[in-house]
Amino acid sequence: QLAHKLSKKLSDVRKEDNNLDWLLPDGKSQATILYDKYKPIKVDN
């Protein structure tokens, strides 16, 4: 869910923010979460 939100935000700012009009369509995101068993504790990177 976090990775999708990052990728979608990247596309949104490309289309909507004139100060970021140097962005192009291709992109990727990756989210690493620290868990304690099944509980998310924090975003590691």
PDB file of all heavy atoms in Angstrom:
ATOM      1  N   GLN A   1       0.830  -1.203   0.000  1.00  0.00           N
ATOM      2  CA  GLN A   1       0.000   0.000   0.000  1.00  0.00           C
ATOM      3  C   GLN A   1       0.864   1.253   0.000  1.00  0.00           C
ATOM      4  O   GLN A   1       0.574   2.221  -0.715  1.00  0.00           O
ATOM      5  CB  GLN A   1      -0.942   0.010   1.205  1.00  0.00           C
ATOM      6  CG  GLN A   1      -2.089  -0.979   1.117  1.00  0.00           C
ATOM      7  CD  GLN A   1      -2.993  -0.735  -0.072  1.00  0.00           C
ATOM      8  OE1 GLN A   1      -2.776  -1.286  -1.152  1.00  0.00           O
ATOM      9  NE2 GLN A   1      -4.008   0.081   0.105  1.00  0.00           N
ATOM     10  N   LEU A   2       1.913   1.252   0.788  1.00  0.00           N
ATOM     11  CA  LEU A   2       2.822   2.396   0.839  1.00  0.00           C
ATOM     12  C   LEU A   2       3.550   2.569  -0.492  1.00  0.00           C
ATOM     13  O   LEU A   2       3.676   3.691  -1.008  1.00  0.00           O
ATOM     14  CB  LEU A   2       3.825   2.218   1.982  1.00  0.00           C
ATOM     15  CG  LEU A   2       4.888   3.297   2.156  1.00  0.00           C
ATOM     16  CD1 LEU A   2       4.274   4.692   2.240  1.00  0.00           C
ATOM     17  CD2 LEU A   2       5.741   3.004   3.393  1.00  0.00           C
ATOM     18  N   ALA A   3       4.010   1.469  -1.073  1.00  0.00           N
ATOM     19  CA  ALA A   3       4.702   1.545  -2.366  1.00  0.00           C
ATOM     20  C   ALA A   3       3.779   2.100  -3.449  1.00  0.00           C
ATOM     21  O   ALA A   3       4.187   2.937  -4.264  1.00  0.00           O
ATOM     22  CB  ALA A   3       5.234   0.169  -2.760  1.00  0.00           C
ATOM     23  N   HIS A   4       2.516   1.640  -3.466  1.00  0.00           N
ATOM     24  CA  HIS A   4       1.566   2.166  -4.455  1.00  0.00           C
ATOM     25  C   HIS A   4       1.328   3.662  -4.265  1.00  0.00           C
ATOM     26  O   HIS A   4       1.257   4.415  -5.240  1.00  0.00           O
ATOM     27  CB  HIS A   4       0.225   1.437  -4.347  1.00  0.00           C
ATOM     28  CG  HIS A   4       0.202   0.075  -4.958  1.00  0.00           C
ATOM     29  ND1 HIS A   4       0.881  -0.241  -6.119  1.00  0.00           N
ATOM     30  CD2 HIS A   4      -0.441  -1.067  -4.580  1.00  0.00           C
ATOM     31  CE1 HIS A   4       0.665  -1.509  -6.421  1.00  0.00           C
ATOM     32  NE2 HIS A   4      -0.135  -2.028  -5.509  1.00  0.00           N
ATOM     33  N   LYS A   5       1.187   4.096  -3.024  1.00  0.00           N
ATOM     34  CA  LYS A   5       0.954   5.523  -2.756  1.00  0.00           C
ATOM     35  C   LYS A   5       2.132   6.364  -3.240  1.00  0.00           C
ATOM     36  O   LYS A   5       1.941   7.473  -3.771  1.00  0.00           O
ATOM     37  CB  LYS A   5       0.725   5.749  -1.267  1.00  0.00           C
ATOM     38  CG  LYS A   5      -0.506   5.070  -0.694  1.00  0.00           C
ATOM     39  CD  LYS A   5      -1.801   5.718  -1.152  1.00  0.00           C
ATOM     40  CE  LYS A   5      -2.992   5.105  -0.426  1.00  0.00           C
ATOM     41  NZ  LYS A   5      -4.283   5.648  -0.892  1.00  0.00           N
ATOM     42  N   LEU A   6       3.339   5.861  -3.067  1.00  0.00           N
ATOM     43  CA  LEU A   6       4.527   6.586  -3.526  1.00  0.00           C
ATOM     44  C   LEU A   6       4.546   6.697  -5.052  1.00  0.00           C
ATOM     45  O   LEU A   6       4.797   7.772  -5.605  1.00  0.00           O
ATOM     46  CB  LEU A   6       5.792   5.876  -3.031  1.00  0.00           C
ATOM     47  CG  LEU A   6       6.083   5.988  -1.543  1.00  0.00           C
ATOM     48  CD1 LEU A   6       7.109   4.941  -1.126  1.00  0.00           C
ATOM     49  CD2 LEU A   6       6.594   7.392  -1.189  1.00  0.00           C
ATOM     50  N   SER A   7       4.268   5.585  -5.736  1.00  0.00           N
ATOM     51  CA  SER A   7       4.268   5.609  -7.204  1.00  0.00           C
ATOM     52  C   SER A   7       3.169   6.516  -7.751  1.00  0.00           C
ATOM     53  O   SER A   7       3.381   7.262  -8.716  1.00  0.00           O
ATOM     54  CB  SER A   7       4.097   4.187  -7.748  1.00  0.00           C
ATOM     55  OG  SER A   7       5.233   3.403  -7.477  1.00  0.00           O
ATOM     56  N   LYS A   8       1.995   6.428  -7.129  1.00  0.00           N
ATOM     57  CA  LYS A   8       0.887   7.283  -7.581  1.00  0.00           C
ATOM     58  C   LYS A   8       1.194   8.754  -7.327  1.00  0.00           C
ATOM     59  O   LYS A   8       0.913   9.625  -8.178  1.00  0.00           O
ATOM     60  CB  LYS A   8      -0.399   6.886  -6.853  1.00  0.00           C
ATOM     61  CG  LYS A   8      -1.648   7.647  -7.312  1.00  0.00           C
ATOM     62  CD  LYS A   8      -1.981   7.368  -8.762  1.00  0.00           C
ATOM     63  CE  LYS A   8      -3.371   7.830  -9.166  1.00  0.00           C
ATOM     64  NZ  LYS A   8      -3.569   9.268  -9.027  1.00  0.00           N
ATOM     65  N   LYS A   9       1.776   9.068  -6.198  1.00  0.00           N
ATOM     66  CA  LYS A   9       2.143  10.451  -5.892  1.00  0.00           C
ATOM     67  C   LYS A   9       3.178  10.969  -6.886  1.00  0.00           C
ATOM     68  O   LYS A   9       3.105  12.133  -7.329  1.00  0.00           O
ATOM     69  CB  LYS A   9       2.696  10.542  -4.466  1.00  0.00           C
ATOM     70  CG  LYS A   9       3.066  11.944  -4.007  1.00  0.00           C
ATOM     71  CD  LYS A   9       1.851  12.822  -3.830  1.00  0.00           C
ATOM     72  CE  LYS A   9       2.207  14.148  -3.169  1.00  0.00           C
ATOM     73  NZ  LYS A   9       1.019  15.029  -2.999  1.00  0.00           N
ATOM     74  N   LEU A  10       4.124  10.106  -7.254  1.00  0.00           N
ATOM     75  CA  LEU A  10       5.140  10.495  -8.234  1.00  0.00           C
ATOM     76  C   LEU A  10       4.488  10.876  -9.558  1.00  0.00           C
ATOM     77  O   LEU A  10       4.844  11.892 -10.171  1.00  0.00           O
ATOM     78  CB  LEU A  10       6.136   9.354  -8.422  1.00  0.00           C
ATOM     79  CG  LEU A  10       7.242   9.557  -9.457  1.00  0.00           C
ATOM     80  CD1 LEU A  10       8.045  10.816  -9.168  1.00  0.00           C
ATOM     81  CD2 LEU A  10       8.153   8.330  -9.500  1.00  0.00           C
ATOM     82  N   SER A  11       3.515  10.096 -10.001  1.00  0.00           N
ATOM     83  CA  SER A  11       2.814  10.427 -11.248  1.00  0.00           C
ATOM     84  C   SER A  11       1.956  11.681 -11.097  1.00  0.00           C
ATOM     85  O   SER A  11       1.872  12.500 -12.013  1.00  0.00           O
ATOM     86  CB  SER A  11       1.938   9.251 -11.685  1.00  0.00           C
ATOM     87  OG  SER A  11       2.729   8.205 -12.181  1.00  0.00           O
ATOM     88  N   ASP A  12       1.323  11.828  -9.944  1.00  0.00           N
ATOM     89  CA  ASP A  12       0.461  12.994  -9.728  1.00  0.00           C
ATOM     90  C   ASP A  12       1.249  14.297  -9.780  1.00  0.00           C
ATOM     91  O   ASP A  12       0.818  15.269 -10.411  1.00  0.00           O
ATOM     92  CB  ASP A  12      -0.261  12.877  -8.385  1.00  0.00           C
ATOM     93  CG  ASP A  12      -1.354  11.819  -8.404  1.00  0.00           C
ATOM     94  OD1 ASP A  12      -1.739  11.373  -9.496  1.00  0.00           O
ATOM     95  OD2 ASP A  12      -1.817  11.431  -7.309  1.00  0.00           O
ATOM     96  N   VAL A  13       2.400  14.345  -9.123  1.00  0.00           N
ATOM     97  CA  VAL A  13       3.170  15.600  -9.120  1.00  0.00           C
ATOM     98  C   VAL A  13       3.745  15.875 -10.505  1.00  0.00           C
ATOM     99  O   VAL A  13       3.895  17.043 -10.899  1.00  0.00           O
ATOM    100  CB  VAL A  13       4.276  15.601  -8.044  1.00  0.00           C
ATOM    101  CG1 VAL A  13       3.669  15.473  -6.653  1.00  0.00           C
ATOM    102  CG2 VAL A  13       5.324  14.525  -8.286  1.00  0.00           C
ATOM    103  N   ARG A  14       4.057  14.812 -11.247  1.00  0.00           N
ATOM    104  CA  ARG A  14       4.528  15.022 -12.633  1.00  0.00           C
ATOM    105  C   ARG A  14       3.472  15.735 -13.463  1.00  0.00           C
ATOM    106  O   ARG A  14       3.790  16.626 -14.267  1.00  0.00           O
ATOM    107  CB  ARG A  14       4.879  13.670 -13.266  1.00  0.00           C
ATOM    108  CG  ARG A  14       5.127  13.748 -14.765  1.00  0.00           C
ATOM    109  CD  ARG A  14       5.574  12.428 -15.337  1.00  0.00           C
ATOM    110  NE  ARG A  14       4.592  11.363 -15.208  1.00  0.00           N
ATOM    111  CZ  ARG A  14       3.617  11.131 -16.077  1.00  0.00           C
ATOM    112  NH1 ARG A  14       3.471  11.909 -17.147  1.00  0.00           N
ATOM    113  NH2 ARG A  14       2.783  10.122 -15.893  1.00  0.00           N
ATOM    114  N   LYS A  15       2.229  15.381 -13.263  1.00  0.00           N
ATOM    115  CA  LYS A  15       1.148  15.942 -14.061  1.00  0.00           C
ATOM    116  C   LYS A  15       0.643  17.280 -13.537  1.00  0.00           C
ATOM    117  O   LYS A  15       0.132  18.095 -14.314  1.00  0.00           O
ATOM    118  CB  LYS A  15      -0.023  14.950 -14.103  1.00  0.00           C
ATOM    119  CG  LYS A  15       0.300  13.636 -14.779  1.00  0.00           C
ATOM    120  CD  LYS A  15      -0.865  12.658 -14.655  1.00  0.00           C
ATOM    121  CE  LYS A  15      -0.566  11.328 -15.299  1.00  0.00           C
ATOM    122  NZ  LYS A  15      -1.674  10.354 -15.152  1.00  0.00           N
ATOM    123  N   GLU A  16       0.780  17.517 -12.234  1.00  0.00           N
ATOM    124  CA  GLU A  16       0.094  18.646 -11.615  1.00  0.00           C
ATOM    125  C   GLU A  16       1.009  19.774 -11.143  1.00  0.00           C
ATOM    126  O   GLU A  16       0.547  20.902 -10.984  1.00  0.00           O
ATOM    127  CB  GLU A  16      -0.720  18.134 -10.416  1.00  0.00           C
ATOM    128  CG  GLU A  16      -1.804  17.137 -10.813  1.00  0.00           C
ATOM    129  CD  GLU A  16      -2.401  16.412  -9.620  1.00  0.00           C
ATOM    130  OE1 GLU A  16      -2.011  16.747  -8.468  1.00  0.00           O
ATOM    131  OE2 GLU A  16      -3.257  15.519  -9.825  1.00  0.00           O
ATOM    132  N   ASP A  17       2.282  19.493 -10.901  1.00  0.00           N
ATOM    133  CA  ASP A  17       3.182  20.501 -10.342  1.00  0.00           C
ATOM    134  C   ASP A  17       4.069  21.068 -11.450  1.00  0.00           C
ATOM    135  O   ASP A  17       4.983  20.396 -11.938  1.00  0.00           O
ATOM    136  CB  ASP A  17       4.035  19.880  -9.228  1.00  0.00           C
ATOM    137  CG  ASP A  17       4.812  20.915  -8.432  1.00  0.00           C
ATOM    138  OD1 ASP A  17       5.070  22.015  -8.966  1.00  0.00           O
ATOM    139  OD2 ASP A  17       5.190  20.625  -7.278  1.00  0.00           O
ATOM    140  N   ASN A  18       3.838  22.307 -11.828  1.00  0.00           N
ATOM    141  CA  ASN A  18       4.608  22.929 -12.907  1.00  0.00           C
ATOM    142  C   ASN A  18       6.085  23.069 -12.565  1.00  0.00           C
ATOM    143  O   ASN A  18       6.931  23.176 -13.457  1.00  0.00           O
ATOM    144  CB  ASN A  18       4.033  24.300 -13.241  1.00  0.00           C
ATOM    145  CG  ASN A  18       2.667  24.215 -13.887  1.00  0.00           C
ATOM    146  OD1 ASN A  18       2.349  23.230 -14.555  1.00  0.00           O
ATOM    147  ND2 ASN A  18       1.838  25.242 -13.695  1.00  0.00           N
ATOM    148  N   ASN A  19       6.400  23.074 -11.284  1.00  0.00           N
ATOM    149  CA  ASN A  19       7.799  23.164 -10.864  1.00  0.00           C
ATOM    150  C   ASN A  19       8.537  21.839 -11.034  1.00  0.00           C
ATOM    151  O   ASN A  19       9.765  21.785 -10.885  1.00  0.00           O
ATOM    152  CB  ASN A  19       7.886  23.605  -9.402  1.00  0.00           C
ATOM    153  CG  ASN A  19       7.393  25.022  -9.203  1.00  0.00           C
ATOM    154  OD1 ASN A  19       7.692  25.916 -10.007  1.00  0.00           O
ATOM    155  ND2 ASN A  19       6.629  25.245  -8.138  1.00  0.00           N
ATOM    156  N   LEU A  20       7.772  20.777 -11.323  1.00  0.00           N
ATOM    157  CA  LEU A  20       8.384  19.458 -11.521  1.00  0.00           C
ATOM    158  C   LEU A  20       8.117  18.956 -12.938  1.00  0.00           C
ATOM    159  O   LEU A  20       8.044  17.754 -13.180  1.00  0.00           O
ATOM    160  CB  LEU A  20       7.823  18.463 -10.496  1.00  0.00           C
ATOM    161  CG  LEU A  20       8.061  18.804  -9.021  1.00  0.00           C
ATOM    162  CD1 LEU A  20       7.343  17.812  -8.126  1.00  0.00           C
ATOM    163  CD2 LEU A  20       9.556  18.830  -8.703  1.00  0.00           C
ATOM    164  N   ASP A  21       8.016  19.884 -13.890  1.00  0.00           N
ATOM    165  CA  ASP A  21       7.691  19.490 -15.265  1.00  0.00           C
ATOM    166  C   ASP A  21       8.856  18.822 -15.984  1.00  0.00           C
ATOM    167  O   ASP A  21       8.733  18.451 -17.161  1.00  0.00           O
ATOM    168  CB  ASP A  21       7.186  20.689 -16.069  1.00  0.00           C
ATOM    169  CG  ASP A  21       8.188  21.824 -16.138  1.00  0.00           C
ATOM    170  OD1 ASP A  21       9.298  21.681 -15.574  1.00  0.00           O
ATOM    171  OD2 ASP A  21       7.862  22.867 -16.746  1.00  0.00           O
ATOM    172  N   TRP A  22       9.967  18.641 -15.299  1.00  0.00           N
ATOM    173  CA  TRP A  22      11.100  17.900 -15.850  1.00  0.00           C
ATOM    174  C   TRP A  22      10.994  16.392 -15.565  1.00  0.00           C
ATOM    175  O   TRP A  22      11.827  15.603 -16.026  1.00  0.00           O
ATOM    176  CB  TRP A  22      12.422  18.432 -15.275  1.00  0.00           C
ATOM    177  CG  TRP A  22      12.378  18.741 -13.807  1.00  0.00           C
ATOM    178  CD1 TRP A  22      12.088  19.947 -13.236  1.00  0.00           C
ATOM    179  CD2 TRP A  22      12.586  17.820 -12.731  1.00  0.00           C
ATOM    180  NE1 TRP A  22      12.113  19.836 -11.855  1.00  0.00           N
ATOM    181  CE2 TRP A  22      12.431  18.543 -11.522  1.00  0.00           C
ATOM    182  CE3 TRP A  22      12.916  16.467 -12.662  1.00  0.00           C
ATOM    183  CZ2 TRP A  22      12.572  17.950 -10.271  1.00  0.00           C
ATOM    184  CZ3 TRP A  22      13.060  15.871 -11.417  1.00  0.00           C
ATOM    185  CH2 TRP A  22      12.888  16.608 -10.248  1.00  0.00           C
ATOM    186  N   LEU A  23       9.976  16.003 -14.813  1.00  0.00           N
ATOM    187  CA  LEU A  23       9.745  14.575 -14.584  1.00  0.00           C
ATOM    188  C   LEU A  23       9.166  13.922 -15.833  1.00  0.00           C
ATOM    189  O   LEU A  23       8.402  14.533 -16.575  1.00  0.00           O
ATOM    190  CB  LEU A  23       8.778  14.375 -13.415  1.00  0.00           C
ATOM    191  CG  LEU A  23       9.303  14.702 -12.020  1.00  0.00           C
ATOM    192  CD1 LEU A  23       8.177  14.661 -11.002  1.00  0.00           C
ATOM    193  CD2 LEU A  23      10.421  13.731 -11.618  1.00  0.00           C
ATOM    194  N   LEU A  24       9.512  12.646 -16.054  1.00  0.00           N
ATOM    195  CA  LEU A  24       8.999  11.860 -17.171  1.00  0.00           C
ATOM    196  C   LEU A  24       8.241  10.640 -16.628  1.00  0.00           C
ATOM    197  O   LEU A  24       8.318  10.336 -15.433  1.00  0.00           O
ATOM    198  CB  LEU A  24      10.156  11.458 -18.092  1.00  0.00           C
ATOM    199  CG  LEU A  24      10.818  12.636 -18.838  1.00  0.00           C
ATOM    200  CD1 LEU A  24      12.077  12.182 -19.573  1.00  0.00           C
ATOM    201  CD2 LEU A  24       9.843  13.286 -19.815  1.00  0.00           C
ATOM    202  N   PRO A  25       7.486   9.918 -17.468  1.00  0.00           N
ATOM    203  CA  PRO A  25       6.492   8.969 -16.946  1.00  0.00           C
ATOM    204  C   PRO A  25       7.009   7.734 -16.215  1.00  0.00           C
ATOM    205  O   PRO A  25       6.316   7.193 -15.347  1.00  0.00           O
ATOM    206  CB  PRO A  25       5.716   8.545 -18.201  1.00  0.00           C
ATOM    207  CG  PRO A  25       5.878   9.690 -19.148  1.00  0.00           C
ATOM    208  CD  PRO A  25       7.268  10.188 -18.907  1.00  0.00           C
ATOM    209  N   ASP A  26       8.181   7.240 -16.554  1.00  0.00           N
ATOM    210  CA  ASP A  26       8.642   5.980 -15.970  1.00  0.00           C
ATOM    211  C   ASP A  26       9.099   6.193 -14.524  1.00  0.00           C
ATOM    212  O   ASP A  26       9.698   7.229 -14.197  1.00  0.00           O
ATOM    213  CB  ASP A  26       9.787   5.407 -16.809  1.00  0.00           C
ATOM    214  CG  ASP A  26      10.045   3.940 -16.546  1.00  0.00           C
ATOM    215  OD1 ASP A  26       9.355   3.342 -15.696  1.00  0.00           O
ATOM    216  OD2 ASP A  26      10.944   3.374 -17.207  1.00  0.00           O
ATOM    217  N   GLY A  27       8.820   5.216 -13.678  1.00  0.00           N
ATOM    218  CA  GLY A  27       9.258   5.335 -12.292  1.00  0.00           C
ATOM    219  C   GLY A  27       8.928   4.091 -11.484  1.00  0.00           C
ATOM    220  O   GLY A  27       8.084   3.274 -11.875  1.00  0.00           O
ATOM    221  N   LYS A  28       9.602   3.964 -10.343  1.00  0.00           N
ATOM    222  CA  LYS A  28       9.393   2.822  -9.458  1.00  0.00           C
ATOM    223  C   LYS A  28       9.533   3.280  -8.008  1.00  0.00           C
ATOM    224  O   LYS A  28      10.177   4.292  -7.716  1.00  0.00           O
ATOM    225  CB  LYS A  28      10.422   1.712  -9.725  1.00  0.00           C
ATOM    226  CG  LYS A  28      10.476   1.235 -11.155  1.00  0.00           C
ATOM    227  CD  LYS A  28      11.542   0.165 -11.363  1.00  0.00           C
ATOM    228  CE  LYS A  28      11.049  -1.189 -10.916  1.00  0.00           C
ATOM    229  NZ  LYS A  28      11.988  -2.276 -11.327  1.00  0.00           N
ATOM    230  N   SER A  29       8.933   2.507  -7.112  1.00  0.00           N
ATOM    231  CA  SER A  29       9.093   2.764  -5.689  1.00  0.00           C
ATOM    232  C   SER A  29       9.274   1.444  -4.962  1.00  0.00           C
ATOM    233  O   SER A  29       8.920   0.377  -5.473  1.00  0.00           O
ATOM    234  CB  SER A  29       7.872   3.502  -5.126  1.00  0.00           C
ATOM    235  OG  SER A  29       6.731   2.655  -5.160  1.00  0.00           O
ATOM    236  N   GLN A  30       9.811   1.550  -3.742  1.00  0.00           N
ATOM    237  CA  GLN A  30      10.026   0.369  -2.919  1.00  0.00           C
ATOM    238  C   GLN A  30       9.931   0.789  -1.463  1.00  0.00           C
ATOM    239  O   GLN A  30      10.501   1.808  -1.073  1.00  0.00           O
ATOM    240  CB  GLN A  30      11.401  -0.228  -3.230  1.00  0.00           C
ATOM    241  CG  GLN A  30      11.643  -1.622  -2.715  1.00  0.00           C
ATOM    242  CD  GLN A  30      12.897  -2.222  -3.322  1.00  0.00           C
ATOM    243  OE1 GLN A  30      12.866  -2.786  -4.418  1.00  0.00           O
ATOM    244  NE2 GLN A  30      14.003  -2.087  -2.626  1.00  0.00           N
ATOM    245  N   ALA A  31       9.197   0.010  -0.672  1.00  0.00           N
ATOM    246  CA  ALA A  31       9.021   0.335   0.747  1.00  0.00           C
ATOM    247  C   ALA A  31       9.416  -0.871   1.595  1.00  0.00           C
ATOM    248  O   ALA A  31       8.929  -1.984   1.363  1.00  0.00           O
ATOM    249  CB  ALA A  31       7.573   0.725   1.030  1.00  0.00           C
ATOM    250  N   THR A  32      10.280  -0.638   2.560  1.00  0.00           N
ATOM    251  CA  THR A  32      10.725  -1.682   3.478  1.00  0.00           C
ATOM    252  C   THR A  32      10.203  -1.371   4.871  1.00  0.00           C
ATOM    253  O   THR A  32      10.451  -0.283   5.410  1.00  0.00           O
ATOM    254  CB  THR A  32      12.261  -1.780   3.507  1.00  0.00           C
ATOM    255  OG1 THR A  32      12.738  -2.103   2.197  1.00  0.00           O
ATOM    256  CG2 THR A  32      12.724  -2.853   4.491  1.00  0.00           C
ATOM    257  N   ILE A  33       9.486  -2.325   5.457  1.00  0.00           N
ATOM    258  CA  ILE A  33       8.841  -2.149   6.754  1.00  0.00           C
ATOM    259  C   ILE A  33       9.487  -3.060   7.788  1.00  0.00           C
ATOM    260  O   ILE A  33       9.739  -4.243   7.514  1.00  0.00           O
ATOM    261  CB  ILE A  33       7.332  -2.464   6.669  1.00  0.00           C
ATOM    262  CG1 ILE A  33       6.681  -1.693   5.522  1.00  0.00           C
ATOM    263  CG2 ILE A  33       6.642  -2.177   7.999  1.00  0.00           C
ATOM    264  CD1 ILE A  33       6.744  -0.200   5.645  1.00  0.00           C
ATOM    265  N   LEU A  34       9.735  -2.515   8.970  1.00  0.00           N
ATOM    266  CA  LEU A  34      10.188  -3.310  10.111  1.00  0.00           C
ATOM    267  C   LEU A  34       8.958  -3.860  10.828  1.00  0.00           C
ATOM    268  O   LEU A  34       8.064  -3.104  11.220  1.00  0.00           O
ATOM    269  CB  LEU A  34      11.019  -2.457  11.069  1.00  0.00           C
ATOM    270  CG  LEU A  34      11.444  -3.149  12.382  1.00  0.00           C
ATOM    271  CD1 LEU A  34      12.420  -4.296  12.105  1.00  0.00           C
ATOM    272  CD2 LEU A  34      12.063  -2.135  13.344  1.00  0.00           C
ATOM    273  N   TYR A  35       8.919  -5.190  10.984  1.00  0.00           N
ATOM    274  CA  TYR A  35       7.819  -5.869  11.655  1.00  0.00           C
ATOM    275  C   TYR A  35       8.286  -6.489  12.970  1.00  0.00           C
ATOM    276  O   TYR A  35       9.447  -6.893  13.109  1.00  0.00           O
ATOM    277  CB  TYR A  35       7.271  -7.000  10.781  1.00  0.00           C
ATOM    278  CG  TYR A  35       6.341  -6.566   9.683  1.00  0.00           C
ATOM    279  CD1 TYR A  35       6.829  -6.155   8.442  1.00  0.00           C
ATOM    280  CD2 TYR A  35       4.965  -6.587   9.859  1.00  0.00           C
ATOM    281  CE1 TYR A  35       5.968  -5.780   7.423  1.00  0.00           C
ATOM    282  CE2 TYR A  35       4.091  -6.207   8.849  1.00  0.00           C
ATOM    283  CZ  TYR A  35       4.606  -5.814   7.640  1.00  0.00           C
ATOM    284  OH  TYR A  35       3.748  -5.442   6.633  1.00  0.00           O
ATOM    285  N   ASP A  36       7.362  -6.584  13.897  1.00  0.00           N
ATOM    286  CA  ASP A  36       7.504  -7.443  15.070  1.00  0.00           C
ATOM    287  C   ASP A  36       6.404  -8.485  14.958  1.00  0.00           C
ATOM    288  O   ASP A  36       5.236  -8.199  15.210  1.00  0.00           O
ATOM    289  CB  ASP A  36       7.360  -6.637  16.360  1.00  0.00           C
ATOM    290  CG  ASP A  36       7.599  -7.486  17.601  1.00  0.00           C
ATOM    291  OD1 ASP A  36       7.779  -8.713  17.457  1.00  0.00           O
ATOM    292  OD2 ASP A  36       7.608  -6.930  18.712  1.00  0.00           O
ATOM    293  N   LYS A  37       6.777  -9.683  14.528  1.00  0.00           N
ATOM    294  CA  LYS A  37       5.841 -10.731  14.132  1.00  0.00           C
ATOM    295  C   LYS A  37       4.931 -10.188  13.037  1.00  0.00           C
ATOM    296  O   LYS A  37       5.395  -9.897  11.941  1.00  0.00           O
ATOM    297  CB  LYS A  37       5.060 -11.279  15.313  1.00  0.00           C
ATOM    298  CG  LYS A  37       4.451 -12.646  15.017  1.00  0.00           C
ATOM    299  CD  LYS A  37       3.793 -13.287  16.228  1.00  0.00           C
ATOM    300  CE  LYS A  37       3.225 -14.645  15.839  1.00  0.00           C
ATOM    301  NZ  LYS A  37       2.560 -15.315  16.994  1.00  0.00           N
ATOM    302  N   TYR A  38       3.627  -9.985  13.298  1.00  0.00           N
ATOM    303  CA  TYR A  38       2.731  -9.491  12.255  1.00  0.00           C
ATOM    304  C   TYR A  38       2.445  -7.996  12.385  1.00  0.00           C
ATOM    305  O   TYR A  38       1.643  -7.459  11.625  1.00  0.00           O
ATOM    306  CB  TYR A  38       1.398 -10.250  12.304  1.00  0.00           C
ATOM    307  CG  TYR A  38       1.498 -11.701  11.911  1.00  0.00           C
ATOM    308  CD1 TYR A  38       0.716 -12.665  12.552  1.00  0.00           C
ATOM    309  CD2 TYR A  38       2.355 -12.130  10.901  1.00  0.00           C
ATOM    310  CE1 TYR A  38       0.788 -14.004  12.188  1.00  0.00           C
ATOM    311  CE2 TYR A  38       2.437 -13.457  10.540  1.00  0.00           C
ATOM    312  CZ  TYR A  38       1.652 -14.398  11.186  1.00  0.00           C
ATOM    313  OH  TYR A  38       1.726 -15.717  10.820  1.00  0.00           O
ATOM    314  N   LYS A  39       3.086  -7.317  13.320  1.00  0.00           N
ATOM    315  CA  LYS A  39       2.782  -5.907  13.567  1.00  0.00           C
ATOM    316  C   LYS A  39       3.823  -4.995  12.918  1.00  0.00           C
ATOM    317  O   LYS A  39       5.013  -5.096  13.224  1.00  0.00           O
ATOM    318  CB  LYS A  39       2.724  -5.630  15.063  1.00  0.00           C
ATOM    319  CG  LYS A  39       2.359  -4.190  15.394  1.00  0.00           C
ATOM    320  CD  LYS A  39       2.313  -3.961  16.899  1.00  0.00           C
ATOM    321  CE  LYS A  39       1.942  -2.515  17.213  1.00  0.00           C
ATOM    322  NZ  LYS A  39       1.920  -2.257  18.678  1.00  0.00           N
ATOM    323  N   PRO A  40       3.412  -4.077  12.035  1.00  0.00           N
ATOM    324  CA  PRO A  40       4.366  -3.105  11.481  1.00  0.00           C
ATOM    325  C   PRO A  40       4.826  -2.136  12.576  1.00  0.00           C
ATOM    326  O   PRO A  40       4.002  -1.576  13.301  1.00  0.00           O
ATOM    327  CB  PRO A  40       3.551  -2.373  10.412  1.00  0.00           C
ATOM    328  CG  PRO A  40       2.330  -3.206  10.182  1.00  0.00           C
ATOM    329  CD  PRO A  40       2.055  -3.915  11.463  1.00  0.00           C
ATOM    330  N   ILE A  41       6.135  -1.935  12.672  1.00  0.00           N
ATOM    331  CA  ILE A  41       6.701  -1.068  13.705  1.00  0.00           C
ATOM    332  C   ILE A  41       7.093   0.292  13.136  1.00  0.00           C
ATOM    333  O   ILE A  41       6.779   1.338  13.686  1.00  0.00           O
ATOM    334  CB  ILE A  41       7.930  -1.724  14.364  1.00  0.00           C
ATOM    335  CG1 ILE A  41       7.540  -3.078  14.962  1.00  0.00           C
ATOM    336  CG2 ILE A  41       8.525  -0.808  15.425  1.00  0.00           C
ATOM    337  CD1 ILE A  41       6.463  -3.005  16.014  1.00  0.00           C
ATOM    338  N   LYS A  42       7.807   0.273  12.009  1.00  0.00           N
ATOM    339  CA  LYS A  42       8.235   1.533  11.393  1.00  0.00           C
ATOM    340  C   LYS A  42       8.649   1.279   9.950  1.00  0.00           C
ATOM    341  O   LYS A  42       8.891   0.137   9.543  1.00  0.00           O
ATOM    342  CB  LYS A  42       9.376   2.167  12.184  1.00  0.00           C
ATOM    343  CG  LYS A  42      10.707   1.421  12.084  1.00  0.00           C
ATOM    344  CD  LYS A  42      11.760   1.968  13.036  1.00  0.00           C
ATOM    345  CE  LYS A  42      12.018   3.429  12.879  1.00  0.00           C
ATOM    346  NZ  LYS A  42      13.095   3.922  13.750  1.00  0.00           N
ATOM    347  N   VAL A  43       8.749   2.357   9.184  1.00  0.00           N
ATOM    348  CA  VAL A  43       9.282   2.285   7.825  1.00  0.00           C
ATOM    349  C   VAL A  43      10.795   2.355   7.925  1.00  0.00           C
ATOM    350  O   VAL A  43      11.350   3.346   8.408  1.00  0.00           O
ATOM    351  CB  VAL A  43       8.737   3.428   6.951  1.00  0.00           C
ATOM    352  CG1 VAL A  43       9.334   3.344   5.548  1.00  0.00           C
ATOM    353  CG2 VAL A  43       7.216   3.394   6.891  1.00  0.00           C
ATOM    354  N   ASP A  44      11.466   1.306   7.478  1.00  0.00           N
ATOM    355  CA  ASP A  44      12.921   1.254   7.596  1.00  0.00           C
ATOM    356  C   ASP A  44      13.599   2.052   6.493  1.00  0.00           C
ATOM    357  O   ASP A  44      14.534   2.817   6.754  1.00  0.00           O
ATOM    358  CB  ASP A  44      13.399  -0.198   7.546  1.00  0.00           C
ATOM    359  CG  ASP A  44      14.891  -0.315   7.738  1.00  0.00           C
ATOM    360  OD1 ASP A  44      15.336  -0.239   8.906  1.00  0.00           O
ATOM    361  OD2 ASP A  44      15.621  -0.469   6.732  1.00  0.00           O
ATOM    362  N   ASN A  45      13.149   1.880   5.236  1.00  0.00           N
ATOM    363  CA  ASN A  45      13.756   2.648   4.143  1.00  0.00           C
ATOM    364  C   ASN A  45      12.820   2.724   2.952  1.00  0.00           C
ATOM    365  O   ASN A  45      11.911   1.897   2.804  1.00  0.00           O
ATOM    366  CB  ASN A  45      15.118   2.065   3.734  1.00  0.00           C
ATOM    367  CG  ASN A  45      15.013   0.703   3.090  1.00  0.00           C
ATOM    368  OD1 ASN A  45      14.740   0.595   1.896  1.00  0.00           O
ATOM    369  ND2 ASN A  45      15.238  -0.357   3.868  1.00  0.00           N
TER     370      ASN A  45
END
